[in-house]
Amino acid sequence: MSEGFVPAEQLAEKEMIERLAIRNKERQERKEKLEDLLFEEWLETKTKEQILEIEKPIHGHLDMFHRAGLKVFFKQNEIEKIKAEFQ
């Protein structure tokens, strides 16, 4: 075998790995997009008082950290219920 020659089997495996990696990345991106959209929709249904009951902001006002806490709460407690409504 000459140097630089790659057997067909190895090329096929490499191509399959690359295709699977792309599909996995696309699936993960779709999942994240769905979670983001569901979170935004869920958040719109909440009043400020409800939001403050769920996640109390440290500094007394809503900020990105408070929003991140709300998203964690949503993923742990609400997302599966909402997904079930769509099925």
C-alpha atoms as a PDB file:
ATOM      1  CA  MET A   1       0.000   0.000   0.000  1.00  0.00           C
ATOM      2  CA  SER A   2       1.233   3.435  -0.809  1.00  0.00           C
ATOM      3  CA  GLU A   3       1.492   6.102   1.830  1.00  0.00           C
ATOM      4  CA  GLY A   4      -1.642   8.200   2.041  1.00  0.00           C
ATOM      5  CA  PHE A   5      -3.884   5.422   0.725  1.00  0.00           C
ATOM      6  CA  VAL A   6      -7.004   4.946   2.799  1.00  0.00           C
ATOM      7  CA  PRO A   7      -8.963   1.734   2.323  1.00  0.00           C
ATOM      8  CA  ALA A   8     -12.568   2.084   1.118  1.00  0.00           C
ATOM      9  CA  GLU A   9     -13.875   0.664   4.399  1.00  0.00           C
ATOM     10  CA  GLN A  10     -12.143   3.388   6.404  1.00  0.00           C
ATOM     11  CA  LEU A  11     -13.437   6.072   4.048  1.00  0.00           C
ATOM     12  CA  ALA A  12     -16.964   4.709   4.396  1.00  0.00           C
ATOM     13  CA  GLU A  13     -16.663   4.664   8.196  1.00  0.00           C
ATOM     14  CA  LYS A  14     -15.322   8.213   8.241  1.00  0.00           C
ATOM     15  CA  GLU A  15     -18.154   9.401   6.012  1.00  0.00           C
ATOM     16  CA  MET A  16     -20.727   7.634   8.191  1.00  0.00           C
ATOM     17  CA  ILE A  17     -19.269   9.200  11.328  1.00  0.00           C
ATOM     18  CA  GLU A  18     -19.402  12.654   9.749  1.00  0.00           C
ATOM     19  CA  ARG A  19     -23.020  12.183   8.607  1.00  0.00           C
ATOM     20  CA  LEU A  20     -24.047  10.920  12.038  1.00  0.00           C
ATOM     21  CA  ALA A  21     -22.288  13.820  13.739  1.00  0.00           C
ATOM     22  CA  ILE A  22     -24.123  16.287  11.497  1.00  0.00           C
ATOM     23  CA  ARG A  23     -27.487  14.622  12.174  1.00  0.00           C
ATOM     24  CA  ASN A  24     -26.773  14.586  15.900  1.00  0.00           C
ATOM     25  CA  LYS A  25     -25.874  18.291  15.853  1.00  0.00           C
ATOM     26  CA  GLU A  26     -29.006  19.131  13.863  1.00  0.00           C
ATOM     27  CA  ARG A  27     -31.159  17.093  16.261  1.00  0.00           C
ATOM     28  CA  GLN A  28     -29.613  18.875  19.241  1.00  0.00           C
ATOM     29  CA  GLU A  29     -30.189  22.268  17.609  1.00  0.00           C
ATOM     30  CA  ARG A  30     -33.846  21.384  16.923  1.00  0.00           C
ATOM     31  CA  LYS A  31     -34.287  20.248  20.528  1.00  0.00           C
ATOM     32  CA  GLU A  32     -32.772  23.475  21.874  1.00  0.00           C
ATOM     33  CA  LYS A  33     -34.879  25.602  19.512  1.00  0.00           C
ATOM     34  CA  LEU A  34     -38.039  23.767  20.583  1.00  0.00           C
ATOM     35  CA  GLU A  35     -37.155  24.228  24.263  1.00  0.00           C
ATOM     36  CA  ASP A  36     -36.485  27.943  23.707  1.00  0.00           C
ATOM     37  CA  LEU A  37     -39.791  28.462  21.907  1.00  0.00           C
ATOM     38  CA  LEU A  38     -41.768  26.513  24.501  1.00  0.00           C
ATOM     39  CA  PHE A  39     -40.048  28.431  27.309  1.00  0.00           C
ATOM     40  CA  GLU A  40     -40.896  31.795  25.714  1.00  0.00           C
ATOM     41  CA  GLU A  41     -44.521  30.747  25.238  1.00  0.00           C
ATOM     42  CA  TRP A  42     -44.751  29.474  28.819  1.00  0.00           C
ATOM     43  CA  LEU A  43     -43.134  32.641  30.183  1.00  0.00           C
ATOM     44  CA  GLU A  44     -45.674  34.841  28.390  1.00  0.00           C
ATOM     45  CA  THR A  45     -48.474  33.134  30.307  1.00  0.00           C
ATOM     46  CA  LYS A  46     -46.993  34.069  33.698  1.00  0.00           C
ATOM     47  CA  THR A  47     -47.601  37.246  35.634  1.00  0.00           C
ATOM     48  CA  LYS A  48     -44.743  39.069  37.301  1.00  0.00           C
ATOM     49  CA  GLU A  49     -45.957  37.791  40.669  1.00  0.00           C
ATOM     50  CA  GLN A  50     -45.965  34.179  39.450  1.00  0.00           C
ATOM     51  CA  ILE A  51     -42.471  34.627  38.049  1.00  0.00           C
ATOM     52  CA  LEU A  52     -41.223  36.045  41.343  1.00  0.00           C
ATOM     53  CA  GLU A  53     -42.743  33.098  43.225  1.00  0.00           C
ATOM     54  CA  ILE A  54     -40.886  30.651  40.995  1.00  0.00           C
ATOM     55  CA  GLU A  55     -37.508  32.356  40.990  1.00  0.00           C
ATOM     56  CA  LYS A  56     -36.745  35.211  43.329  1.00  0.00           C
ATOM     57  CA  PRO A  57     -34.151  37.591  41.884  1.00  0.00           C
ATOM     58  CA  ILE A  58     -31.160  38.260  44.086  1.00  0.00           C
ATOM     59  CA  HIS A  59     -31.087  42.012  43.506  1.00  0.00           C
ATOM     60  CA  GLY A  60     -34.842  42.529  43.500  1.00  0.00           C
ATOM     61  CA  HIS A  61     -35.147  42.992  39.739  1.00  0.00           C
ATOM     62  CA  LEU A  62     -35.354  40.631  36.791  1.00  0.00           C
ATOM     63  CA  ASP A  63     -32.075  40.028  34.980  1.00  0.00           C
ATOM     64  CA  MET A  64     -30.386  37.388  32.847  1.00  0.00           C
ATOM     65  CA  PHE A  65     -29.532  35.256  35.899  1.00  0.00           C
ATOM     66  CA  HIS A  66     -33.156  35.313  37.027  1.00  0.00           C
ATOM     67  CA  ARG A  67     -34.230  34.342  33.502  1.00  0.00           C
ATOM     68  CA  ALA A  68     -31.722  31.460  33.509  1.00  0.00           C
ATOM     69  CA  GLY A  69     -33.186  30.242  36.799  1.00  0.00           C
ATOM     70  CA  LEU A  70     -36.668  30.385  35.306  1.00  0.00           C
ATOM     71  CA  LYS A  71     -35.493  28.336  32.354  1.00  0.00           C
ATOM     72  CA  VAL A  72     -34.018  25.687  34.664  1.00  0.00           C
ATOM     73  CA  PHE A  73     -37.316  25.548  36.552  1.00  0.00           C
ATOM     74  CA  PHE A  74     -39.192  25.263  33.253  1.00  0.00           C
ATOM     75  CA  LYS A  75     -37.030  22.390  32.004  1.00  0.00           C
ATOM     76  CA  GLN A  76     -37.281  20.515  35.303  1.00  0.00           C
ATOM     77  CA  ASN A  77     -40.984  21.043  35.978  1.00  0.00           C
ATOM     78  CA  GLU A  78     -42.992  22.206  32.993  1.00  0.00           C
ATOM     79  CA  ILE A  79     -41.586  21.229  29.609  1.00  0.00           C
ATOM     80  CA  GLU A  80     -42.791  17.619  29.586  1.00  0.00           C
ATOM     81  CA  LYS A  81     -46.346  18.690  30.459  1.00  0.00           C
ATOM     82  CA  ILE A  82     -46.369  21.216  27.639  1.00  0.00           C
ATOM     83  CA  LYS A  83     -44.892  18.742  25.132  1.00  0.00           C
ATOM     84  CA  ALA A  84     -47.609  16.253  26.072  1.00  0.00           C
ATOM     85  CA  GLU A  85     -50.276  18.840  25.212  1.00  0.00           C
ATOM     86  CA  PHE A  86     -48.941  19.049  21.650  1.00  0.00           C
ATOM     87  CA  GLN A  87     -48.993  15.290  21.074  1.00  0.00           C
END
